[in-house]
Amino acid sequence: MEDFVRYMQSNTILHEDSTEGMSLQRARSRLHAKAMEEQIIHLSGIYEPYTFWQARFDSTNTKALFDEIAGDGKRFHFDMRSVNWMDYITNIHIPGLRKHVLKERQQQRRHNEPNSSRFS
């Protein structure tokens, strides 16, 4: 994870924090890019156990249990092979992440941003 954070920080155009002497548009763009970088690093921390962990998952025991309780299994429908993972990630997981995890960060960012009407 540390390697990823170092990569993000060293390969972005945001090396200096000062926006002094920049046009307003460029300063806003840099602040937006910095917020995006922070969000990517934040999300990579959340997903670190799943994305940076070198492991293989095996469902042999789950399949054996499912076969053993075949009658009840049909009643409770616990066959993970029947899950449409693309649909789940796209229509359930990502919207839930946006609604519950990112909402906090978006509200915090809006609170910290200067009032845009002052710069119009």
PDB file of N, CA and C in Angstrom:
ATOM      1  N   MET A   1       0.832  -1.189   0.000  1.00  0.00           N
ATOM      2  CA  MET A   1       0.000   0.000   0.000  1.00  0.00           C
ATOM      3  C   MET A   1       0.876   1.253   0.000  1.00  0.00           C
ATOM      4  N   GLU A   2       1.961   1.214   0.783  1.00  0.00           N
ATOM      5  CA  GLU A   2       2.852   2.374   0.845  1.00  0.00           C
ATOM      6  C   GLU A   2       3.440   2.677  -0.529  1.00  0.00           C
ATOM      7  N   ASP A   3       3.763   1.614  -1.278  1.00  0.00           N
ATOM      8  CA  ASP A   3       4.300   1.804  -2.630  1.00  0.00           C
ATOM      9  C   ASP A   3       3.290   2.516  -3.520  1.00  0.00           C
ATOM     10  N   PHE A   4       2.019   2.138  -3.389  1.00  0.00           N
ATOM     11  CA  PHE A   4       0.975   2.761  -4.196  1.00  0.00           C
ATOM     12  C   PHE A   4       0.837   4.243  -3.850  1.00  0.00           C
ATOM     13  N   VAL A   5       0.824   4.552  -2.566  1.00  0.00           N
ATOM     14  CA  VAL A   5       0.697   5.953  -2.137  1.00  0.00           C
ATOM     15  C   VAL A   5       1.889   6.760  -2.639  1.00  0.00           C
ATOM     16  N   ARG A   6       3.101   6.210  -2.500  1.00  0.00           N
ATOM     17  CA  ARG A   6       4.291   6.900  -3.010  1.00  0.00           C
ATOM     18  C   ARG A   6       4.186   7.119  -4.513  1.00  0.00           C
ATOM     19  N   TYR A   7       3.707   6.100  -5.231  1.00  0.00           N
ATOM     20  CA  TYR A   7       3.533   6.218  -6.681  1.00  0.00           C
ATOM     21  C   TYR A   7       2.555   7.339  -7.008  1.00  0.00           C
ATOM     22  N   MET A   8       1.421   7.358  -6.331  1.00  0.00           N
ATOM     23  CA  MET A   8       0.410   8.395  -6.581  1.00  0.00           C
ATOM     24  C   MET A   8       0.985   9.780  -6.314  1.00  0.00           C
ATOM     25  N   GLN A   9       1.697   9.917  -5.227  1.00  0.00           N
ATOM     26  CA  GLN A   9       2.217  11.230  -4.855  1.00  0.00           C
ATOM     27  C   GLN A   9       3.378  11.670  -5.739  1.00  0.00           C
ATOM     28  N   SER A  10       4.165  10.735  -6.233  1.00  0.00           N
ATOM     29  CA  SER A  10       5.318  11.125  -7.050  1.00  0.00           C
ATOM     30  C   SER A  10       4.975  11.257  -8.529  1.00  0.00           C
ATOM     31  N   ASN A  11       3.864  10.696  -8.955  1.00  0.00           N
ATOM     32  CA  ASN A  11       3.516  10.730 -10.373  1.00  0.00           C
ATOM     33  C   ASN A  11       2.339  11.633 -10.683  1.00  0.00           C
ATOM     34  N   THR A  12       2.068  12.560  -9.796  1.00  0.00           N
ATOM     35  CA  THR A  12       1.030  13.547 -10.084  1.00  0.00           C
ATOM     36  C   THR A  12       1.700  14.895 -10.273  1.00  0.00           C
ATOM     37  N   ILE A  13       0.944  15.816 -10.805  1.00  0.00           N
ATOM     38  CA  ILE A  13       1.488  17.155 -11.060  1.00  0.00           C
ATOM     39  C   ILE A  13       1.363  18.056  -9.842  1.00  0.00           C
ATOM     40  N   LEU A  14       1.021  17.480  -8.713  1.00  0.00           N
ATOM     41  CA  LEU A  14       0.701  18.272  -7.529  1.00  0.00           C
ATOM     42  C   LEU A  14       1.849  18.302  -6.530  1.00  0.00           C
ATOM     43  N   HIS A  15       3.062  18.492  -6.991  1.00  0.00           N
ATOM     44  CA  HIS A  15       4.204  18.429  -6.089  1.00  0.00           C
ATOM     45  C   HIS A  15       4.241  19.589  -5.112  1.00  0.00           C
ATOM     46  N   GLU A  16       3.866  20.774  -5.525  1.00  0.00           N
ATOM     47  CA  GLU A  16       3.879  21.892  -4.581  1.00  0.00           C
ATOM     48  C   GLU A  16       2.448  22.209  -4.161  1.00  0.00           C
ATOM     49  N   ASP A  17       2.300  22.658  -2.932  1.00  0.00           N
ATOM     50  CA  ASP A  17       0.973  22.961  -2.393  1.00  0.00           C
ATOM     51  C   ASP A  17       0.542  24.392  -2.681  1.00  0.00           C
ATOM     52  N   SER A  18       1.472  25.258  -2.980  1.00  0.00           N
ATOM     53  CA  SER A  18       1.162  26.667  -3.166  1.00  0.00           C
ATOM     54  C   SER A  18       0.475  26.916  -4.502  1.00  0.00           C
ATOM     55  N   THR A  19      -0.566  27.720  -4.458  1.00  0.00           N
ATOM     56  CA  THR A  19      -1.252  28.131  -5.684  1.00  0.00           C
ATOM     57  C   THR A  19      -0.989  29.608  -5.950  1.00  0.00           C
ATOM     58  N   GLU A  20      -0.036  30.178  -5.211  1.00  0.00           N
ATOM     59  CA  GLU A  20       0.288  31.595  -5.334  1.00  0.00           C
ATOM     60  C   GLU A  20       0.773  31.911  -6.749  1.00  0.00           C
ATOM     61  N   GLY A  21       0.236  32.963  -7.330  1.00  0.00           N
ATOM     62  CA  GLY A  21       0.644  33.394  -8.662  1.00  0.00           C
ATOM     63  C   GLY A  21      -0.059  32.667  -9.795  1.00  0.00           C
ATOM     64  N   MET A  22      -0.903  31.712  -9.498  1.00  0.00           N
ATOM     65  CA  MET A  22      -1.626  30.973 -10.538  1.00  0.00           C
ATOM     66  C   MET A  22      -2.933  31.679 -10.854  1.00  0.00           C
ATOM     67  N   SER A  23      -3.423  31.431 -12.053  1.00  0.00           N
ATOM     68  CA  SER A  23      -4.746  31.947 -12.383  1.00  0.00           C
ATOM     69  C   SER A  23      -5.767  31.225 -11.508  1.00  0.00           C
ATOM     70  N   LEU A  24      -6.913  31.834 -11.335  1.00  0.00           N
ATOM     71  CA  LEU A  24      -7.955  31.249 -10.502  1.00  0.00           C
ATOM     72  C   LEU A  24      -8.383  29.891 -11.047  1.00  0.00           C
ATOM     73  N   GLN A  25      -8.546  29.791 -12.364  1.00  0.00           N
ATOM     74  CA  GLN A  25      -8.962  28.529 -12.977  1.00  0.00           C
ATOM     75  C   GLN A  25      -7.930  27.434 -12.724  1.00  0.00           C
ATOM     76  N   ARG A  26      -6.655  27.769 -12.899  1.00  0.00           N
ATOM     77  CA  ARG A  26      -5.589  26.778 -12.679  1.00  0.00           C
ATOM     78  C   ARG A  26      -5.530  26.370 -11.205  1.00  0.00           C
ATOM     79  N   ALA A  27      -5.698  27.324 -10.308  1.00  0.00           N
ATOM     80  CA  ALA A  27      -5.686  27.015  -8.876  1.00  0.00           C
ATOM     81  C   ALA A  27      -6.844  26.089  -8.517  1.00  0.00           C
ATOM     82  N   ARG A  28      -8.017  26.361  -9.059  1.00  0.00           N
ATOM     83  CA  ARG A  28      -9.177  25.494  -8.816  1.00  0.00           C
ATOM     84  C   ARG A  28      -8.931  24.093  -9.355  1.00  0.00           C
ATOM     85  N   SER A  29      -8.359  24.017 -10.556  1.00  0.00           N
ATOM     86  CA  SER A  29      -8.061  22.709 -11.153  1.00  0.00           C
ATOM     87  C   SER A  29      -7.090  21.925 -10.283  1.00  0.00           C
ATOM     88  N   ARG A  30      -6.075  22.593  -9.770  1.00  0.00           N
ATOM     89  CA  ARG A  30      -5.092  21.925  -8.911  1.00  0.00           C
ATOM     90  C   ARG A  30      -5.738  21.447  -7.611  1.00  0.00           C
ATOM     91  N   LEU A  31      -6.600  22.267  -7.027  1.00  0.00           N
ATOM     92  CA  LEU A  31      -7.280  21.869  -5.793  1.00  0.00           C
ATOM     93  C   LEU A  31      -8.194  20.675  -6.042  1.00  0.00           C
ATOM     94  N   HIS A  32      -8.890  20.689  -7.177  1.00  0.00           N
ATOM     95  CA  HIS A  32      -9.759  19.565  -7.530  1.00  0.00           C
ATOM     96  C   HIS A  32      -8.929  18.302  -7.734  1.00  0.00           C
ATOM     97  N   ALA A  33      -7.812  18.419  -8.443  1.00  0.00           N
ATOM     98  CA  ALA A  33      -6.942  17.263  -8.683  1.00  0.00           C
ATOM     99  C   ALA A  33      -6.377  16.732  -7.367  1.00  0.00           C
ATOM    100  N   LYS A  34      -6.020  17.617  -6.465  1.00  0.00           N
ATOM    101  CA  LYS A  34      -5.501  17.206  -5.154  1.00  0.00           C
ATOM    102  C   LYS A  34      -6.576  16.457  -4.376  1.00  0.00           C
ATOM    103  N   ALA A  35      -7.811  16.933  -4.429  1.00  0.00           N
ATOM    104  CA  ALA A  35      -8.912  16.251  -3.747  1.00  0.00           C
ATOM    105  C   ALA A  35      -9.142  14.869  -4.349  1.00  0.00           C
ATOM    106  N   MET A  36      -9.039  14.776  -5.674  1.00  0.00           N
ATOM    107  CA  MET A  36      -9.197  13.477  -6.336  1.00  0.00           C
ATOM    108  C   MET A  36      -8.084  12.519  -5.912  1.00  0.00           C
ATOM    109  N   GLU A  37      -6.860  13.019  -5.847  1.00  0.00           N
ATOM    110  CA  GLU A  37      -5.732  12.187  -5.409  1.00  0.00           C
ATOM    111  C   GLU A  37      -5.976  11.668  -3.994  1.00  0.00           C
ATOM    112  N   GLU A  38      -6.425  12.546  -3.109  1.00  0.00           N
ATOM    113  CA  GLU A  38      -6.704  12.137  -1.730  1.00  0.00           C
ATOM    114  C   GLU A  38      -7.818  11.104  -1.680  1.00  0.00           C
ATOM    115  N   GLN A  39      -8.827  11.267  -2.528  1.00  0.00           N
ATOM    116  CA  GLN A  39      -9.931  10.312  -2.550  1.00  0.00           C
ATOM    117  C   GLN A  39      -9.459   8.953  -3.055  1.00  0.00           C
ATOM    118  N   ILE A  40      -8.616   8.939  -4.076  1.00  0.00           N
ATOM    119  CA  ILE A  40      -8.086   7.674  -4.595  1.00  0.00           C
ATOM    120  C   ILE A  40      -7.277   6.965  -3.514  1.00  0.00           C
ATOM    121  N   ILE A  41      -6.450   7.704  -2.806  1.00  0.00           N
ATOM    122  CA  ILE A  41      -5.651   7.104  -1.737  1.00  0.00           C
ATOM    123  C   ILE A  41      -6.564   6.599  -0.620  1.00  0.00           C
ATOM    124  N   HIS A  42      -7.599   7.368  -0.282  1.00  0.00           N
ATOM    125  CA  HIS A  42      -8.561   6.948   0.744  1.00  0.00           C
ATOM    126  C   HIS A  42      -9.258   5.647   0.334  1.00  0.00           C
ATOM    127  N   LEU A  43      -9.741   5.584  -0.907  1.00  0.00           N
ATOM    128  CA  LEU A  43     -10.434   4.383  -1.373  1.00  0.00           C
ATOM    129  C   LEU A  43      -9.491   3.194  -1.470  1.00  0.00           C
ATOM    130  N   SER A  44      -8.244   3.436  -1.861  1.00  0.00           N
ATOM    131  CA  SER A  44      -7.297   2.324  -1.927  1.00  0.00           C
ATOM    132  C   SER A  44      -7.047   1.768  -0.529  1.00  0.00           C
ATOM    133  N   GLY A  45      -7.116   2.619   0.487  1.00  0.00           N
ATOM    134  CA  GLY A  45      -6.994   2.141   1.863  1.00  0.00           C
ATOM    135  C   GLY A  45      -8.181   1.275   2.262  1.00  0.00           C
ATOM    136  N   ILE A  46      -9.374   1.678   1.841  1.00  0.00           N
ATOM    137  CA  ILE A  46     -10.575   0.891   2.139  1.00  0.00           C
ATOM    138  C   ILE A  46     -10.499  -0.472   1.459  1.00  0.00           C
ATOM    139  N   TYR A  47     -10.071  -0.483   0.201  1.00  0.00           N
ATOM    140  CA  TYR A  47     -10.049  -1.721  -0.574  1.00  0.00           C
ATOM    141  C   TYR A  47      -8.722  -2.468  -0.481  1.00  0.00           C
ATOM    142  N   GLU A  48      -7.801  -1.998   0.349  1.00  0.00           N
ATOM    143  CA  GLU A  48      -6.483  -2.640   0.462  1.00  0.00           C
ATOM    144  C   GLU A  48      -6.569  -4.144   0.718  1.00  0.00           C
ATOM    145  N   PRO A  49      -7.424  -4.609   1.633  1.00  0.00           N
ATOM    146  CA  PRO A  49      -7.464  -6.056   1.876  1.00  0.00           C
ATOM    147  C   PRO A  49      -7.861  -6.870   0.640  1.00  0.00           C
ATOM    148  N   TYR A  50      -8.569  -6.253  -0.274  1.00  0.00           N
ATOM    149  CA  TYR A  50      -9.044  -6.977  -1.449  1.00  0.00           C
ATOM    150  C   TYR A  50      -8.149  -6.784  -2.667  1.00  0.00           C
ATOM    151  N   THR A  51      -7.475  -5.658  -2.750  1.00  0.00           N
ATOM    152  CA  THR A  51      -6.714  -5.350  -3.962  1.00  0.00           C
ATOM    153  C   THR A  51      -5.218  -5.550  -3.825  1.00  0.00           C
ATOM    154  N   PHE A  52      -4.678  -5.410  -2.631  1.00  0.00           N
ATOM    155  CA  PHE A  52      -3.237  -5.527  -2.450  1.00  0.00           C
ATOM    156  C   PHE A  52      -2.839  -6.832  -1.767  1.00  0.00           C
ATOM    157  N   TRP A  53      -3.790  -7.661  -1.465  1.00  0.00           N
ATOM    158  CA  TRP A  53      -3.521  -8.915  -0.778  1.00  0.00           C
ATOM    159  C   TRP A  53      -3.353 -10.008  -1.810  1.00  0.00           C
ATOM    160  N   GLN A  54      -2.239 -10.688  -1.784  1.00  0.00           N
ATOM    161  CA  GLN A  54      -1.952 -11.740  -2.757  1.00  0.00           C
ATOM    162  C   GLN A  54      -2.491 -13.066  -2.224  1.00  0.00           C
ATOM    163  N   ALA A  55      -3.753 -13.340  -2.466  1.00  0.00           N
ATOM    164  CA  ALA A  55      -4.367 -14.569  -1.970  1.00  0.00           C
ATOM    165  C   ALA A  55      -5.297 -15.148  -3.024  1.00  0.00           C
ATOM    166  N   ARG A  56      -5.573 -16.399  -2.860  1.00  0.00           N
ATOM    167  CA  ARG A  56      -6.548 -17.075  -3.714  1.00  0.00           C
ATOM    168  C   ARG A  56      -7.675 -17.557  -2.821  1.00  0.00           C
ATOM    169  N   PHE A  57      -8.869 -17.386  -3.283  1.00  0.00           N
ATOM    170  CA  PHE A  57     -10.020 -17.823  -2.515  1.00  0.00           C
ATOM    171  C   PHE A  57     -10.526 -19.136  -3.093  1.00  0.00           C
ATOM    172  N   ASP A  58     -10.909 -20.033  -2.200  1.00  0.00           N
ATOM    173  CA  ASP A  58     -11.368 -21.353  -2.607  1.00  0.00           C
ATOM    174  C   ASP A  58     -12.750 -21.582  -1.995  1.00  0.00           C
ATOM    175  N   SER A  59     -13.680 -21.978  -2.813  1.00  0.00           N
ATOM    176  CA  SER A  59     -15.049 -22.182  -2.330  1.00  0.00           C
ATOM    177  C   SER A  59     -15.404 -23.660  -2.214  1.00  0.00           C
ATOM    178  N   THR A  60     -14.393 -24.539  -2.147  1.00  0.00           N
ATOM    179  CA  THR A  60     -14.638 -25.980  -2.085  1.00  0.00           C
ATOM    180  C   THR A  60     -15.516 -26.345  -0.894  1.00  0.00           C
ATOM    181  N   ASN A  61     -15.202 -25.824   0.286  1.00  0.00           N
ATOM    182  CA  ASN A  61     -15.987 -26.155   1.482  1.00  0.00           C
ATOM    183  C   ASN A  61     -17.411 -25.630   1.377  1.00  0.00           C
ATOM    184  N   THR A  62     -17.573 -24.449   0.834  1.00  0.00           N
ATOM    185  CA  THR A  62     -18.914 -23.886   0.668  1.00  0.00           C
ATOM    186  C   THR A  62     -19.728 -24.725  -0.305  1.00  0.00           C
ATOM    187  N   LYS A  63     -19.097 -25.153  -1.403  1.00  0.00           N
ATOM    188  CA  LYS A  63     -19.792 -26.007  -2.377  1.00  0.00           C
ATOM    189  C   LYS A  63     -20.169 -27.341  -1.746  1.00  0.00           C
ATOM    190  N   ALA A  64     -19.264 -27.931  -0.951  1.00  0.00           N
ATOM    191  CA  ALA A  64     -19.557 -29.206  -0.290  1.00  0.00           C
ATOM    192  C   ALA A  64     -20.726 -29.046   0.676  1.00  0.00           C
ATOM    193  N   LEU A  65     -20.734 -27.972   1.433  1.00  0.00           N
ATOM    194  CA  LEU A  65     -21.838 -27.709   2.351  1.00  0.00           C
ATOM    195  C   LEU A  65     -23.140 -27.517   1.579  1.00  0.00           C
ATOM    196  N   PHE A  66     -23.074 -26.786   0.484  1.00  0.00           N
ATOM    197  CA  PHE A  66     -24.259 -26.553  -0.339  1.00  0.00           C
ATOM    198  C   PHE A  66     -24.806 -27.875  -0.884  1.00  0.00           C
ATOM    199  N   ASP A  67     -23.911 -28.760  -1.336  1.00  0.00           N
ATOM    200  CA  ASP A  67     -24.340 -30.069  -1.851  1.00  0.00           C
ATOM    201  C   ASP A  67     -24.936 -30.927  -0.742  1.00  0.00           C
ATOM    202  N   GLU A  68     -24.397 -30.801   0.472  1.00  0.00           N
ATOM    203  CA  GLU A  68     -24.865 -31.598   1.609  1.00  0.00           C
ATOM    204  C   GLU A  68     -26.277 -31.194   2.031  1.00  0.00           C
ATOM    205  N   ILE A  69     -26.604 -29.938   1.900  1.00  0.00           N
ATOM    206  CA  ILE A  69     -27.936 -29.467   2.301  1.00  0.00           C
ATOM    207  C   ILE A  69     -28.768 -29.120   1.065  1.00  0.00           C
ATOM    208  N   ALA A  70     -28.673 -29.952   0.063  1.00  0.00           N
ATOM    209  CA  ALA A  70     -29.302 -29.662  -1.228  1.00  0.00           C
ATOM    210  C   ALA A  70     -30.774 -29.272  -1.098  1.00  0.00           C
ATOM    211  N   GLY A  71     -31.541 -29.967  -0.272  1.00  0.00           N
ATOM    212  CA  GLY A  71     -32.959 -29.639  -0.121  1.00  0.00           C
ATOM    213  C   GLY A  71     -33.166 -28.255   0.461  1.00  0.00           C
ATOM    214  N   ASP A  72     -32.496 -27.975   1.568  1.00  0.00           N
ATOM    215  CA  ASP A  72     -32.600 -26.655   2.192  1.00  0.00           C
ATOM    216  C   ASP A  72     -31.940 -25.587   1.331  1.00  0.00           C
ATOM    217  N   GLY A  73     -30.905 -25.976   0.606  1.00  0.00           N
ATOM    218  CA  GLY A  73     -30.193 -25.023  -0.250  1.00  0.00           C
ATOM    219  C   GLY A  73     -31.106 -24.411  -1.292  1.00  0.00           C
ATOM    220  N   LYS A  74     -32.008 -25.201  -1.821  1.00  0.00           N
ATOM    221  CA  LYS A  74     -32.954 -24.662  -2.808  1.00  0.00           C
ATOM    222  C   LYS A  74     -33.904 -23.670  -2.144  1.00  0.00           C
ATOM    223  N   ARG A  75     -34.231 -23.947  -0.895  1.00  0.00           N
ATOM    224  CA  ARG A  75     -35.141 -23.066  -0.167  1.00  0.00           C
ATOM    225  C   ARG A  75     -34.486 -21.721   0.161  1.00  0.00           C
ATOM    226  N   PHE A  76     -33.195 -21.743   0.494  1.00  0.00           N
ATOM    227  CA  PHE A  76     -32.495 -20.521   0.879  1.00  0.00           C
ATOM    228  C   PHE A  76     -31.684 -19.905  -0.253  1.00  0.00           C
ATOM    229  N   HIS A  77     -31.529 -20.600  -1.335  1.00  0.00           N
ATOM    230  CA  HIS A  77     -30.836 -20.129  -2.542  1.00  0.00           C
ATOM    231  C   HIS A  77     -29.482 -19.485  -2.213  1.00  0.00           C
ATOM    232  N   PHE A  78     -28.526 -20.346  -1.861  1.00  0.00           N
ATOM    233  CA  PHE A  78     -27.201 -19.884  -1.467  1.00  0.00           C
ATOM    234  C   PHE A  78     -26.135 -20.284  -2.490  1.00  0.00           C
ATOM    235  N   ASP A  79     -26.446 -20.255  -3.742  1.00  0.00           N
ATOM    236  CA  ASP A  79     -25.481 -20.627  -4.774  1.00  0.00           C
ATOM    237  C   ASP A  79     -24.849 -19.357  -5.332  1.00  0.00           C
ATOM    238  N   MET A  80     -23.616 -19.085  -4.925  1.00  0.00           N
ATOM    239  CA  MET A  80     -22.928 -17.857  -5.331  1.00  0.00           C
ATOM    240  C   MET A  80     -22.634 -17.825  -6.828  1.00  0.00           C
ATOM    241  N   ARG A  81     -22.672 -18.979  -7.477  1.00  0.00           N
ATOM    242  CA  ARG A  81     -22.445 -19.007  -8.928  1.00  0.00           C
ATOM    243  C   ARG A  81     -23.591 -18.342  -9.685  1.00  0.00           C
ATOM    244  N   SER A  82     -24.739 -18.221  -9.037  1.00  0.00           N
ATOM    245  CA  SER A  82     -25.893 -17.626  -9.717  1.00  0.00           C
ATOM    246  C   SER A  82     -25.911 -16.099  -9.616  1.00  0.00           C
ATOM    247  N   VAL A  83     -24.988 -15.527  -8.855  1.00  0.00           N
ATOM    248  CA  VAL A  83     -24.949 -14.069  -8.699  1.00  0.00           C
ATOM    249  C   VAL A  83     -24.385 -13.443  -9.972  1.00  0.00           C
ATOM    250  N   ASN A  84     -25.073 -12.453 -10.475  1.00  0.00           N
ATOM    251  CA  ASN A  84     -24.566 -11.681 -11.614  1.00  0.00           C
ATOM    252  C   ASN A  84     -23.657 -10.606 -11.020  1.00  0.00           C
ATOM    253  N   TRP A  85     -22.346 -10.900 -10.972  1.00  0.00           N
ATOM    254  CA  TRP A  85     -21.408 -10.030 -10.272  1.00  0.00           C
ATOM    255  C   TRP A  85     -21.293  -8.657 -10.918  1.00  0.00           C
ATOM    256  N   MET A  86     -21.354  -8.582 -12.231  1.00  0.00           N
ATOM    257  CA  MET A  86     -21.273  -7.280 -12.899  1.00  0.00           C
ATOM    258  C   MET A  86     -22.460  -6.407 -12.486  1.00  0.00           C
ATOM    259  N   ASP A  87     -23.648  -7.003 -12.469  1.00  0.00           N
ATOM    260  CA  ASP A  87     -24.837  -6.269 -12.055  1.00  0.00           C
ATOM    261  C   ASP A  87     -24.732  -5.856 -10.587  1.00  0.00           C
ATOM    262  N   TYR A  88     -24.266  -6.772  -9.742  1.00  0.00           N
ATOM    263  CA  TYR A  88     -24.134  -6.464  -8.314  1.00  0.00           C
ATOM    264  C   TYR A  88     -23.166  -5.300  -8.087  1.00  0.00           C
ATOM    265  N   ILE A  89     -21.980  -5.371  -8.681  1.00  0.00           N
ATOM    266  CA  ILE A  89     -20.980  -4.315  -8.485  1.00  0.00           C
ATOM    267  C   ILE A  89     -21.499  -2.985  -9.028  1.00  0.00           C
ATOM    268  N   THR A  90     -22.073  -3.025 -10.245  1.00  0.00           N
ATOM    269  CA  THR A  90     -22.508  -1.801 -10.916  1.00  0.00           C
ATOM    270  C   THR A  90     -23.738  -1.168 -10.278  1.00  0.00           C
ATOM    271  N   ASN A  91     -24.729  -1.977  -9.938  1.00  0.00           N
ATOM    272  CA  ASN A  91     -26.013  -1.432  -9.499  1.00  0.00           C
ATOM    273  C   ASN A  91     -26.262  -1.457  -7.993  1.00  0.00           C
ATOM    274  N   ILE A  92     -25.420  -2.178  -7.241  1.00  0.00           N
ATOM    275  CA  ILE A  92     -25.628  -2.241  -5.795  1.00  0.00           C
ATOM    276  C   ILE A  92     -24.402  -1.729  -5.040  1.00  0.00           C
ATOM    277  N   HIS A  93     -23.245  -2.336  -5.289  1.00  0.00           N
ATOM    278  CA  HIS A  93     -22.050  -1.994  -4.508  1.00  0.00           C
ATOM    279  C   HIS A  93     -21.583  -0.556  -4.747  1.00  0.00           C
ATOM    280  N   ILE A  94     -21.379  -0.170  -6.000  1.00  0.00           N
ATOM    281  CA  ILE A  94     -20.879   1.178  -6.304  1.00  0.00           C
ATOM    282  C   ILE A  94     -21.870   2.256  -5.845  1.00  0.00           C
ATOM    283  N   PRO A  95     -23.180   2.131  -6.145  1.00  0.00           N
ATOM    284  CA  PRO A  95     -24.108   3.151  -5.634  1.00  0.00           C
ATOM    285  C   PRO A  95     -24.123   3.225  -4.100  1.00  0.00           C
ATOM    286  N   GLY A  96     -24.016   2.075  -3.429  1.00  0.00           N
ATOM    287  CA  GLY A  96     -23.961   2.078  -1.967  1.00  0.00           C
ATOM    288  C   GLY A  96     -22.703   2.754  -1.450  1.00  0.00           C
ATOM    289  N   LEU A  97     -21.601   2.503  -2.120  1.00  0.00           N
ATOM    290  CA  LEU A  97     -20.336   3.147  -1.765  1.00  0.00           C
ATOM    291  C   LEU A  97     -20.457   4.659  -1.915  1.00  0.00           C
ATOM    292  N   ARG A  98     -21.033   5.092  -3.025  1.00  0.00           N
ATOM    293  CA  ARG A  98     -21.207   6.534  -3.242  1.00  0.00           C
ATOM    294  C   ARG A  98     -22.120   7.145  -2.186  1.00  0.00           C
ATOM    295  N   LYS A  99     -23.208   6.445  -1.877  1.00  0.00           N
ATOM    296  CA  LYS A  99     -24.200   6.994  -0.953  1.00  0.00           C
ATOM    297  C   LYS A  99     -23.696   7.031   0.487  1.00  0.00           C
ATOM    298  N   HIS A 100     -23.036   5.968   0.927  1.00  0.00           N
ATOM    299  CA  HIS A 100     -22.707   5.859   2.343  1.00  0.00           C
ATOM    300  C   HIS A 100     -21.257   6.188   2.682  1.00  0.00           C
ATOM    301  N   VAL A 101     -20.314   5.878   1.818  1.00  0.00           N
ATOM    302  CA  VAL A 101     -18.899   6.111   2.130  1.00  0.00           C
ATOM    303  C   VAL A 101     -18.432   7.448   1.590  1.00  0.00           C
ATOM    304  N   LEU A 102     -18.718   7.716   0.328  1.00  0.00           N
ATOM    305  CA  LEU A 102     -18.216   8.934  -0.293  1.00  0.00           C
ATOM    306  C   LEU A 102     -19.012  10.167   0.104  1.00  0.00           C
ATOM    307  N   LYS A 103     -20.252   9.987   0.549  1.00  0.00           N
ATOM    308  CA  LYS A 103     -21.101  11.118   0.936  1.00  0.00           C
ATOM    309  C   LYS A 103     -20.410  11.955   2.006  1.00  0.00           C
ATOM    310  N   GLU A 104     -19.837  11.286   2.996  1.00  0.00           N
ATOM    311  CA  GLU A 104     -19.153  11.979   4.076  1.00  0.00           C
ATOM    312  C   GLU A 104     -18.015  12.838   3.541  1.00  0.00           C
ATOM    313  N   ARG A 105     -17.204  12.269   2.656  1.00  0.00           N
ATOM    314  CA  ARG A 105     -16.061  12.998   2.112  1.00  0.00           C
ATOM    315  C   ARG A 105     -16.520  14.143   1.213  1.00  0.00           C
ATOM    316  N   GLN A 106     -17.599  13.935   0.439  1.00  0.00           N
ATOM    317  CA  GLN A 106     -18.100  14.996  -0.432  1.00  0.00           C
ATOM    318  C   GLN A 106     -18.630  16.157   0.400  1.00  0.00           C
ATOM    319  N   GLN A 107     -19.353  15.842   1.477  1.00  0.00           N
ATOM    320  CA  GLN A 107     -19.878  16.897   2.345  1.00  0.00           C
ATOM    321  C   GLN A 107     -18.737  17.656   3.016  1.00  0.00           C
ATOM    322  N   GLN A 108     -17.712  16.945   3.431  1.00  0.00           N
ATOM    323  CA  GLN A 108     -16.559  17.585   4.058  1.00  0.00           C
ATOM    324  C   GLN A 108     -15.847  18.486   3.055  1.00  0.00           C
ATOM    325  N   ARG A 109     -15.688  18.010   1.817  1.00  0.00           N
ATOM    326  CA  ARG A 109     -15.018  18.799   0.787  1.00  0.00           C
ATOM    327  C   ARG A 109     -15.829  20.050   0.466  1.00  0.00           C
ATOM    328  N   ARG A 110     -17.154  19.921   0.345  1.00  0.00           N
ATOM    329  CA  ARG A 110     -18.004  21.087   0.067  1.00  0.00           C
ATOM    330  C   ARG A 110     -17.902  22.110   1.195  1.00  0.00           C
ATOM    331  N   HIS A 111     -17.836  21.615   2.416  1.00  0.00           N
ATOM    332  CA  HIS A 111     -17.730  22.504   3.576  1.00  0.00           C
ATOM    333  C   HIS A 111     -16.412  23.272   3.555  1.00  0.00           C
ATOM    334  N   ASN A 112     -15.340  22.637   3.087  1.00  0.00           N
ATOM    335  CA  ASN A 112     -14.017  23.262   3.082  1.00  0.00           C
ATOM    336  C   ASN A 112     -13.759  24.132   1.859  1.00  0.00           C
ATOM    337  N   GLU A 113     -14.555  23.970   0.786  1.00  0.00           N
ATOM    338  CA  GLU A 113     -14.353  24.762  -0.427  1.00  0.00           C
ATOM    339  C   GLU A 113     -14.833  26.189  -0.211  1.00  0.00           C
ATOM    340  N   PRO A 114     -14.113  27.140  -0.783  1.00  0.00           N
ATOM    341  CA  PRO A 114     -14.599  28.523  -0.702  1.00  0.00           C
ATOM    342  C   PRO A 114     -15.892  28.670  -1.499  1.00  0.00           C
ATOM    343  N   ASN A 115     -16.689  29.631  -1.118  1.00  0.00           N
ATOM    344  CA  ASN A 115     -17.950  29.887  -1.804  1.00  0.00           C
ATOM    345  C   ASN A 115     -17.662  30.279  -3.248  1.00  0.00           C
ATOM    346  N   SER A 116     -18.147  29.471  -4.191  1.00  0.00           N
ATOM    347  CA  SER A 116     -17.820  29.698  -5.604  1.00  0.00           C
ATOM    348  C   SER A 116     -18.384  31.013  -6.131  1.00  0.00           C
ATOM    349  N   SER A 117     -19.442  31.541  -5.504  1.00  0.00           N
ATOM    350  CA  SER A 117     -20.015  32.796  -6.003  1.00  0.00           C
ATOM    351  C   SER A 117     -19.063  33.974  -5.781  1.00  0.00           C
ATOM    352  N   ARG A 118     -18.151  33.854  -4.819  1.00  0.00           N
ATOM    353  CA  ARG A 118     -17.193  34.931  -4.572  1.00  0.00           C
ATOM    354  C   ARG A 118     -16.176  35.046  -5.701  1.00  0.00           C
ATOM    355  N   PHE A 119     -15.972  33.980  -6.468  1.00  0.00           N
ATOM    356  CA  PHE A 119     -14.948  33.971  -7.505  1.00  0.00           C
ATOM    357  C   PHE A 119     -15.517  34.138  -8.908  1.00  0.00           C
ATOM    358  N   SER A 120     -16.786  34.351  -9.009  1.00  0.00           N
ATOM    359  CA  SER A 120     -17.410  34.462 -10.341  1.00  0.00           C
ATOM    360  C   SER A 120     -17.144  35.807 -10.955  1.00  0.00           C
TER     361      SER A 120
END
